[in-house]
Every structure is written in structure tokens, then in C-alpha cells.
Amino acid sequence: MLTFTTAGDYPSRDPLSFTLYGSAVTLAGTGPFALNLLTLITAGESTGLSADPGRESAGIARSIANTTPYDSYLLVFPTVRDSDSANSMQIGEINFESVPIPEASTWAAVGTLLLISGACLRRNRGKH
């Protein structure tokens, strides 16, 4: 999940879209970005700030489908609210939250427990 919070400056500088890359190599301190180390995760996604939420306000949380853990991420903002009047892009905060997805074996165990619970409920109903 990604949540973007506007900065306290001009609304025209709010980013409207983003592209996200991941890398299995830590990019910090490696010098210029080696684009061959980056894997595109998603491109042209909305930041959730198309309607101005106000200054220093969070937009809508954006869910990103990604099952690959990366050591580094590169976040690019290709568009802003008003490119004619903005001389730069600004963002107050980015919340990058990982939401773990249970493995298939976990779902199988949950399904088995539900089946056992259902069988116990049916058996106990007949005893009342």
C-alpha cells in the first residue's frame, strides 16, 4: 500500500501519477542508477491526489500488486497537478506499507479448520 501526503506548498506541485520500480540490489551508494538493475512493478498509477485533499493531507491509499520482495525501490512522479504553473514536484510524505499475503499452505490450514468447525457445529446441533 502506498499513501501520499501533500506538502504545505502549492497544490499545482502535487504529483498525480507515479511509476514504481524494484531492485534486488541495494541502490544507495551505487552511483548513477543502473536501469538494468530495476524491475518495473507498475507504471502510470494514480497517486490518489487528483482531487486536492488540502495541504499536508493524505490522499487515498493505493494498493500495488507485488509479490516479489526487493531491497530497493525507485519511485518516479511523471505528472503534477498543473505542469504549466509548477516549477517542481513536491510531496510531504510517502507511506510505503507492506501487507503480507499468507502462503497457500496457510490458506489450506484455515480451510481445514473451517471444515472441522462446520462438522462440529452440525454434530452438536443434533444433540440439543
N, C-alpha and C. Protein backbone atom coordinates (compact mmCIF):
# COMPACT_ATOMS: atom_id res chain seq x y z
N MET A 1 0.84 -1.16 0.00
CA MET A 1 0.00 0.00 0.00
C MET A 1 0.89 1.23 0.00
N LEU A 2 0.52 2.18 -0.80
CA LEU A 2 1.20 3.47 -0.84
C LEU A 2 0.19 4.55 -0.53
N THR A 3 0.55 5.45 0.38
CA THR A 3 -0.27 6.60 0.67
C THR A 3 0.60 7.84 0.54
N PHE A 4 0.13 8.81 -0.21
CA PHE A 4 0.87 10.04 -0.45
C PHE A 4 0.20 11.17 0.32
N THR A 5 1.02 11.98 1.00
CA THR A 5 0.54 13.14 1.75
C THR A 5 1.07 14.40 1.09
N THR A 6 0.19 15.35 0.86
CA THR A 6 0.60 16.60 0.22
C THR A 6 1.52 17.39 1.14
N ALA A 7 2.34 18.24 0.54
CA ALA A 7 3.20 19.13 1.31
C ALA A 7 2.43 20.42 1.60
N GLY A 8 3.06 21.34 2.29
CA GLY A 8 2.39 22.57 2.68
C GLY A 8 2.52 23.68 1.65
N ASP A 9 3.01 23.38 0.49
CA ASP A 9 3.29 24.38 -0.53
C ASP A 9 2.10 24.50 -1.49
N TYR A 10 2.38 24.68 -2.76
CA TYR A 10 1.35 24.93 -3.77
C TYR A 10 0.70 23.64 -4.29
N PRO A 11 -0.63 23.61 -4.39
CA PRO A 11 -1.32 22.43 -4.93
C PRO A 11 -0.87 22.07 -6.36
N SER A 12 -0.44 23.06 -7.13
CA SER A 12 -0.02 22.79 -8.51
C SER A 12 1.16 21.82 -8.58
N ARG A 13 1.91 21.68 -7.49
CA ARG A 13 3.08 20.81 -7.45
C ARG A 13 2.79 19.39 -6.99
N ASP A 14 1.54 19.11 -6.59
CA ASP A 14 1.19 17.76 -6.14
C ASP A 14 1.35 16.76 -7.28
N PRO A 15 1.99 15.62 -7.03
CA PRO A 15 2.12 14.60 -8.06
C PRO A 15 0.78 13.89 -8.29
N LEU A 16 0.44 13.64 -9.54
CA LEU A 16 -0.82 12.97 -9.85
C LEU A 16 -0.63 11.51 -10.25
N SER A 17 0.56 11.16 -10.72
CA SER A 17 0.81 9.77 -11.11
C SER A 17 2.19 9.35 -10.66
N PHE A 18 2.39 8.03 -10.62
CA PHE A 18 3.71 7.51 -10.23
C PHE A 18 4.01 6.22 -10.98
N THR A 19 5.29 5.94 -11.06
CA THR A 19 5.80 4.68 -11.60
C THR A 19 6.74 4.12 -10.54
N LEU A 20 6.62 2.83 -10.27
CA LEU A 20 7.40 2.19 -9.21
C LEU A 20 8.25 1.07 -9.78
N TYR A 21 9.54 1.09 -9.41
CA TYR A 21 10.49 0.06 -9.80
C TYR A 21 11.04 -0.59 -8.54
N GLY A 22 11.48 -1.84 -8.66
CA GLY A 22 12.15 -2.53 -7.57
C GLY A 22 13.48 -3.07 -8.03
N SER A 23 14.39 -3.29 -7.08
CA SER A 23 15.69 -3.84 -7.40
C SER A 23 16.12 -4.81 -6.31
N ALA A 24 16.69 -5.94 -6.71
CA ALA A 24 17.21 -6.90 -5.76
C ALA A 24 18.55 -6.44 -5.20
N VAL A 25 19.11 -5.39 -5.78
CA VAL A 25 20.38 -4.82 -5.36
C VAL A 25 20.10 -3.51 -4.62
N THR A 26 20.76 -3.29 -3.50
CA THR A 26 20.61 -2.02 -2.80
C THR A 26 21.20 -0.92 -3.66
N LEU A 27 20.39 0.07 -4.00
CA LEU A 27 20.81 1.12 -4.92
C LEU A 27 21.56 2.26 -4.24
N ALA A 28 21.38 2.43 -2.94
CA ALA A 28 22.03 3.53 -2.24
C ALA A 28 23.54 3.38 -2.32
N GLY A 29 24.21 4.44 -2.71
CA GLY A 29 25.65 4.45 -2.77
C GLY A 29 26.26 3.77 -3.98
N THR A 30 25.44 3.38 -4.95
CA THR A 30 25.97 2.68 -6.13
C THR A 30 26.30 3.65 -7.26
N GLY A 31 26.14 4.96 -7.02
CA GLY A 31 26.40 5.93 -8.08
C GLY A 31 25.18 6.10 -8.95
N PRO A 32 25.36 6.43 -10.22
CA PRO A 32 24.22 6.62 -11.12
C PRO A 32 23.37 5.35 -11.19
N PHE A 33 22.06 5.55 -11.32
CA PHE A 33 21.18 4.39 -11.39
C PHE A 33 21.51 3.54 -12.61
N ALA A 34 21.69 2.27 -12.37
CA ALA A 34 21.86 1.33 -13.47
C ALA A 34 20.47 0.79 -13.78
N LEU A 35 19.88 1.28 -14.84
CA LEU A 35 18.50 0.91 -15.17
C LEU A 35 18.32 -0.59 -15.35
N ASN A 36 19.39 -1.29 -15.72
CA ASN A 36 19.28 -2.73 -15.89
C ASN A 36 19.09 -3.46 -14.56
N LEU A 37 19.30 -2.77 -13.43
CA LEU A 37 19.08 -3.37 -12.12
C LEU A 37 17.65 -3.19 -11.63
N LEU A 38 16.85 -2.46 -12.39
CA LEU A 38 15.48 -2.14 -11.98
C LEU A 38 14.46 -3.02 -12.69
N THR A 39 13.45 -3.43 -11.95
CA THR A 39 12.31 -4.17 -12.50
C THR A 39 11.07 -3.30 -12.34
N LEU A 40 10.36 -3.10 -13.43
CA LEU A 40 9.12 -2.31 -13.37
C LEU A 40 8.07 -3.08 -12.58
N ILE A 41 7.52 -2.43 -11.56
CA ILE A 41 6.44 -3.02 -10.77
C ILE A 41 5.10 -2.52 -11.28
N THR A 42 4.98 -1.21 -11.48
CA THR A 42 3.75 -0.63 -12.01
C THR A 42 4.07 0.75 -12.60
N ALA A 43 3.30 1.14 -13.61
CA ALA A 43 3.56 2.43 -14.28
C ALA A 43 2.26 3.19 -14.47
N GLY A 44 2.35 4.52 -14.36
CA GLY A 44 1.20 5.38 -14.64
C GLY A 44 0.06 5.26 -13.65
N GLU A 45 0.36 4.86 -12.43
CA GLU A 45 -0.67 4.72 -11.39
C GLU A 45 -1.04 6.08 -10.81
N SER A 46 -2.27 6.21 -10.39
CA SER A 46 -2.73 7.45 -9.74
C SER A 46 -2.20 7.53 -8.32
N THR A 47 -1.78 8.71 -7.90
CA THR A 47 -1.35 8.92 -6.51
C THR A 47 -2.55 9.04 -5.56
N GLY A 48 -3.74 9.17 -6.10
CA GLY A 48 -4.91 9.38 -5.26
C GLY A 48 -5.08 10.84 -4.85
N LEU A 49 -4.32 11.73 -5.49
CA LEU A 49 -4.38 13.15 -5.15
C LEU A 49 -5.04 13.98 -6.26
N SER A 50 -5.81 13.32 -7.14
CA SER A 50 -6.41 14.07 -8.25
C SER A 50 -7.38 15.13 -7.75
N ALA A 51 -8.11 14.83 -6.68
CA ALA A 51 -8.91 15.84 -6.00
C ALA A 51 -8.04 16.34 -4.85
N ASP A 52 -7.77 17.62 -4.80
CA ASP A 52 -6.87 18.18 -3.79
C ASP A 52 -7.45 17.96 -2.39
N PRO A 53 -6.78 17.15 -1.54
CA PRO A 53 -7.28 16.91 -0.19
C PRO A 53 -6.94 18.04 0.78
N GLY A 54 -6.21 19.05 0.29
CA GLY A 54 -5.75 20.13 1.16
C GLY A 54 -4.27 19.98 1.43
N ARG A 55 -3.71 20.97 2.08
CA ARG A 55 -2.28 20.94 2.38
C ARG A 55 -2.00 20.03 3.56
N GLU A 56 -0.92 19.28 3.45
CA GLU A 56 -0.47 18.34 4.47
C GLU A 56 -1.56 17.34 4.83
N SER A 57 -2.24 16.84 3.79
CA SER A 57 -3.32 15.87 3.95
C SER A 57 -3.03 14.63 3.12
N ALA A 58 -3.39 13.48 3.66
CA ALA A 58 -3.17 12.22 2.96
C ALA A 58 -4.25 11.98 1.93
N GLY A 59 -3.85 11.42 0.81
CA GLY A 59 -4.79 11.02 -0.22
C GLY A 59 -5.27 9.61 0.04
N ILE A 60 -5.88 9.01 -0.95
CA ILE A 60 -6.41 7.66 -0.86
C ILE A 60 -5.26 6.67 -0.93
N ALA A 61 -5.27 5.64 -0.09
CA ALA A 61 -4.24 4.60 -0.13
C ALA A 61 -4.34 3.84 -1.44
N ARG A 62 -3.20 3.60 -2.05
CA ARG A 62 -3.13 2.91 -3.34
C ARG A 62 -2.58 1.51 -3.12
N SER A 63 -3.31 0.50 -3.55
CA SER A 63 -2.86 -0.88 -3.43
C SER A 63 -2.04 -1.26 -4.66
N ILE A 64 -0.88 -1.87 -4.43
CA ILE A 64 0.00 -2.28 -5.52
C ILE A 64 0.17 -3.78 -5.45
N ALA A 65 -0.10 -4.47 -6.55
CA ALA A 65 0.08 -5.92 -6.60
C ALA A 65 1.55 -6.23 -6.85
N ASN A 66 2.22 -6.76 -5.84
CA ASN A 66 3.62 -7.13 -5.98
C ASN A 66 3.92 -8.23 -4.97
N THR A 67 4.38 -9.37 -5.44
CA THR A 67 4.70 -10.47 -4.54
C THR A 67 6.21 -10.69 -4.41
N THR A 68 7.00 -9.87 -5.08
CA THR A 68 8.45 -10.01 -5.04
C THR A 68 9.05 -9.02 -4.04
N PRO A 69 9.77 -9.51 -3.04
CA PRO A 69 10.44 -8.58 -2.13
C PRO A 69 11.70 -8.01 -2.79
N TYR A 70 11.88 -6.72 -2.70
CA TYR A 70 13.05 -6.05 -3.27
C TYR A 70 13.84 -5.38 -2.16
N ASP A 71 15.14 -5.19 -2.40
CA ASP A 71 16.00 -4.49 -1.44
C ASP A 71 15.85 -2.98 -1.58
N SER A 72 15.59 -2.50 -2.80
CA SER A 72 15.48 -1.07 -3.07
C SER A 72 14.30 -0.80 -3.99
N TYR A 73 13.77 0.40 -3.86
CA TYR A 73 12.67 0.83 -4.73
C TYR A 73 13.01 2.20 -5.30
N LEU A 74 12.53 2.44 -6.50
CA LEU A 74 12.65 3.75 -7.14
C LEU A 74 11.24 4.20 -7.48
N LEU A 75 10.86 5.35 -6.97
CA LEU A 75 9.53 5.91 -7.17
C LEU A 75 9.67 7.16 -8.03
N VAL A 76 9.02 7.19 -9.17
CA VAL A 76 9.11 8.30 -10.12
C VAL A 76 7.74 8.94 -10.24
N PHE A 77 7.70 10.28 -10.24
CA PHE A 77 6.46 11.04 -10.38
C PHE A 77 6.48 11.77 -11.73
N PRO A 78 5.88 11.21 -12.77
CA PRO A 78 5.95 11.83 -14.09
C PRO A 78 5.00 13.01 -14.31
N THR A 79 3.93 13.13 -13.52
CA THR A 79 2.97 14.22 -13.74
C THR A 79 2.65 14.93 -12.43
N VAL A 80 2.35 16.22 -12.55
CA VAL A 80 1.91 17.03 -11.41
C VAL A 80 0.55 17.64 -11.76
N ARG A 81 -0.09 18.22 -10.75
CA ARG A 81 -1.44 18.76 -10.93
C ARG A 81 -1.50 19.84 -12.02
N ASP A 82 -0.56 20.76 -12.02
CA ASP A 82 -0.57 21.85 -13.02
C ASP A 82 0.85 22.09 -13.51
N SER A 83 1.24 21.39 -14.55
CA SER A 83 2.61 21.48 -15.04
C SER A 83 2.93 22.85 -15.64
N ASP A 84 1.92 23.61 -16.04
CA ASP A 84 2.17 24.94 -16.61
C ASP A 84 2.64 25.94 -15.54
N SER A 85 2.11 25.82 -14.32
CA SER A 85 2.48 26.80 -13.29
C SER A 85 3.48 26.24 -12.26
N ALA A 86 3.66 24.91 -12.23
CA ALA A 86 4.58 24.32 -11.25
C ALA A 86 6.00 24.30 -11.80
N ASN A 87 6.95 24.71 -10.97
CA ASN A 87 8.34 24.65 -11.40
C ASN A 87 9.06 23.43 -10.82
N SER A 88 8.32 22.61 -10.07
CA SER A 88 8.88 21.41 -9.46
C SER A 88 7.75 20.53 -8.97
N MET A 89 8.10 19.39 -8.38
CA MET A 89 7.13 18.49 -7.76
C MET A 89 7.40 18.52 -6.26
N GLN A 90 6.36 18.37 -5.46
CA GLN A 90 6.52 18.33 -4.01
C GLN A 90 5.64 17.23 -3.44
N ILE A 91 6.11 16.63 -2.37
CA ILE A 91 5.32 15.64 -1.64
C ILE A 91 5.70 15.78 -0.17
N GLY A 92 4.73 15.71 0.71
CA GLY A 92 5.00 15.86 2.13
C GLY A 92 5.48 14.57 2.76
N GLU A 93 4.84 13.46 2.39
CA GLU A 93 5.19 12.17 2.99
C GLU A 93 4.70 11.05 2.09
N ILE A 94 5.43 9.95 2.12
CA ILE A 94 5.03 8.74 1.41
C ILE A 94 5.04 7.61 2.43
N ASN A 95 3.91 6.96 2.60
CA ASN A 95 3.81 5.80 3.48
C ASN A 95 3.81 4.56 2.59
N PHE A 96 4.85 3.77 2.71
CA PHE A 96 5.05 2.58 1.89
C PHE A 96 4.89 1.38 2.82
N GLU A 97 3.70 0.79 2.83
CA GLU A 97 3.38 -0.26 3.79
C GLU A 97 3.28 -1.61 3.09
N SER A 98 3.93 -2.58 3.67
CA SER A 98 3.86 -3.94 3.14
C SER A 98 2.70 -4.68 3.82
N VAL A 99 1.90 -5.33 3.02
CA VAL A 99 0.80 -6.13 3.53
C VAL A 99 1.10 -7.58 3.20
N PRO A 100 1.50 -8.39 4.19
CA PRO A 100 1.86 -9.77 3.89
C PRO A 100 0.68 -10.58 3.38
N ILE A 101 0.96 -11.42 2.42
CA ILE A 101 -0.05 -12.31 1.85
C ILE A 101 0.25 -13.72 2.34
N PRO A 102 -0.70 -14.37 3.01
CA PRO A 102 -0.43 -15.72 3.52
C PRO A 102 -0.10 -16.69 2.38
N GLU A 103 0.77 -17.63 2.68
CA GLU A 103 1.13 -18.66 1.71
C GLU A 103 -0.04 -19.61 1.52
N ALA A 104 0.00 -20.38 0.44
CA ALA A 104 -1.08 -21.32 0.12
C ALA A 104 -1.28 -22.33 1.25
N SER A 105 -0.20 -22.76 1.90
CA SER A 105 -0.33 -23.73 2.99
C SER A 105 -1.12 -23.14 4.16
N THR A 106 -0.99 -21.83 4.38
CA THR A 106 -1.76 -21.17 5.44
C THR A 106 -3.24 -21.20 5.11
N TRP A 107 -3.58 -20.90 3.85
CA TRP A 107 -4.99 -20.95 3.44
C TRP A 107 -5.54 -22.37 3.55
N ALA A 108 -4.74 -23.37 3.24
CA ALA A 108 -5.18 -24.76 3.35
C ALA A 108 -5.49 -25.10 4.81
N ALA A 109 -4.63 -24.64 5.74
CA ALA A 109 -4.86 -24.89 7.16
C ALA A 109 -6.13 -24.20 7.64
N VAL A 110 -6.35 -22.96 7.20
CA VAL A 110 -7.57 -22.22 7.58
C VAL A 110 -8.80 -22.94 7.05
N GLY A 111 -8.73 -23.40 5.80
CA GLY A 111 -9.86 -24.13 5.20
C GLY A 111 -10.16 -25.41 5.96
N THR A 112 -9.13 -26.14 6.38
CA THR A 112 -9.32 -27.38 7.15
C THR A 112 -9.97 -27.06 8.48
N LEU A 113 -9.53 -26.01 9.15
CA LEU A 113 -10.14 -25.62 10.44
C LEU A 113 -11.60 -25.25 10.26
N LEU A 114 -11.93 -24.57 9.18
CA LEU A 114 -13.32 -24.21 8.92
C LEU A 114 -14.17 -25.45 8.68
N LEU A 115 -13.64 -26.41 7.95
CA LEU A 115 -14.38 -27.66 7.71
C LEU A 115 -14.61 -28.41 9.01
N ILE A 116 -13.59 -28.50 9.86
CA ILE A 116 -13.73 -29.18 11.15
C ILE A 116 -14.74 -28.45 12.03
N SER A 117 -14.68 -27.12 12.04
CA SER A 117 -15.63 -26.33 12.84
C SER A 117 -17.05 -26.57 12.36
N GLY A 118 -17.23 -26.58 11.03
CA GLY A 118 -18.56 -26.81 10.47
C GLY A 118 -19.09 -28.18 10.83
N ALA A 119 -18.23 -29.20 10.79
CA ALA A 119 -18.65 -30.56 11.13
C ALA A 119 -19.03 -30.64 12.60
N CYS A 120 -18.27 -29.99 13.47
CA CYS A 120 -18.59 -29.99 14.90
C CYS A 120 -19.90 -29.28 15.18
N LEU A 121 -20.16 -28.18 14.49
CA LEU A 121 -21.42 -27.45 14.67
C LEU A 121 -22.60 -28.31 14.26
N ARG A 122 -22.50 -29.01 13.12
CA ARG A 122 -23.59 -29.86 12.65
C ARG A 122 -23.84 -31.00 13.63
N ARG A 123 -22.78 -31.60 14.15
CA ARG A 123 -22.91 -32.72 15.08
C ARG A 123 -23.55 -32.25 16.39
N ASN A 124 -23.16 -31.07 16.88
CA ASN A 124 -23.69 -30.57 18.15
C ASN A 124 -25.12 -30.09 18.03
N ARG A 125 -25.56 -29.66 16.85
CA ARG A 125 -26.95 -29.24 16.68
C ARG A 125 -27.91 -30.39 16.88
N GLY A 126 -27.52 -31.56 16.47
CA GLY A 126 -28.39 -32.73 16.63
C GLY A 126 -28.54 -33.19 18.05
N LYS A 127 -27.70 -32.76 18.97
CA LYS A 127 -27.75 -33.22 20.37
C LYS A 127 -28.64 -32.33 21.24
N HIS A 128 -29.15 -31.25 20.71
CA HIS A 128 -29.98 -30.33 21.53
C HIS A 128 -31.42 -30.61 21.37
